[in-house]
Amino acid sequence: MEALDTFSRTFLPATALAKLSGTTVARHVQVLRRCAGDRDAVAVVARCTTRGRRRNVLA
């Protein structure tokens, strides 16, 4: 049995490349996890900012 599924193995390195803080990642990972399956790979993670300076994550 694998220790980490495909989503976890690809999401965490992608967030590091995007230079996202641990707080931001922790806040968004549960939402993104519900939208992606265990076998889905993350190709890109990007920081998105709204006009009100609210920060979001696009994966």
Protein backbone atom coordinates (compact mmCIF):
# COMPACT_ATOMS: atom_id res chain seq x y z
CA MET A 1 0.00 0.00 0.00
CA GLU A 2 1.30 3.44 -0.89
CA ALA A 3 1.91 5.91 1.91
CA LEU A 4 0.56 8.87 -0.09
CA ASP A 5 -1.98 8.92 -2.89
CA THR A 6 -1.30 10.65 -6.22
CA PHE A 7 -3.03 13.87 -5.18
CA SER A 8 -0.90 14.24 -2.05
CA ARG A 9 2.35 13.36 -3.82
CA THR A 10 1.76 15.99 -6.52
CA PHE A 11 -0.09 18.73 -4.60
CA LEU A 12 2.53 19.36 -1.93
CA PRO A 13 5.48 19.84 -4.33
CA ALA A 14 3.30 22.05 -6.56
CA THR A 15 2.46 24.32 -3.62
CA ALA A 16 6.17 24.59 -2.79
CA LEU A 17 6.95 25.63 -6.38
CA ALA A 18 4.17 28.23 -6.18
CA LYS A 19 5.75 29.51 -2.93
CA LEU A 20 2.49 29.26 -1.00
CA SER A 21 2.60 29.51 2.77
CA GLY A 22 1.69 26.53 4.91
CA THR A 23 -1.30 28.45 6.26
CA THR A 24 -2.69 29.01 2.77
CA VAL A 25 -2.14 25.38 1.81
CA ALA A 26 -3.80 24.09 4.98
CA ARG A 27 -6.80 26.35 4.42
CA HIS A 28 -7.40 25.15 0.85
CA VAL A 29 -6.32 21.50 0.83
CA GLN A 30 -9.56 20.13 2.28
CA VAL A 31 -11.69 21.92 -0.31
CA LEU A 32 -9.44 20.85 -3.18
CA ARG A 33 -9.28 17.30 -1.82
CA ARG A 34 -13.09 17.04 -2.08
CA CYS A 35 -12.93 18.04 -5.76
CA ALA A 36 -10.08 15.71 -6.74
CA GLY A 37 -9.88 11.96 -6.52
CA ASP A 38 -7.04 10.02 -4.95
CA ARG A 39 -5.64 9.17 -8.38
CA ASP A 40 -5.86 12.73 -9.77
CA ALA A 41 -2.48 14.41 -10.20
CA VAL A 42 -1.97 18.13 -9.63
CA ALA A 43 -0.16 19.76 -12.54
CA VAL A 44 -0.29 23.43 -11.54
CA VAL A 45 -1.01 25.41 -8.39
CA ALA A 46 -1.32 29.17 -8.60
CA ARG A 47 -2.10 31.97 -6.19
CA CYS A 48 -5.09 34.07 -7.23
CA THR A 49 -5.88 37.45 -5.70
CA THR A 50 -9.24 39.22 -5.93
CA ARG A 51 -9.73 42.98 -6.03
CA GLY A 52 -10.29 42.93 -2.29
CA ARG A 53 -6.83 41.31 -1.89
CA ARG A 54 -8.40 38.05 -0.79
CA ARG A 55 -6.05 35.18 -1.58
CA ASN A 56 -7.24 31.95 -3.14
CA VAL A 57 -5.56 28.92 -4.65
CA LEU A 58 -6.20 27.51 -8.11
CA ALA A 59 -5.15 23.88 -8.64
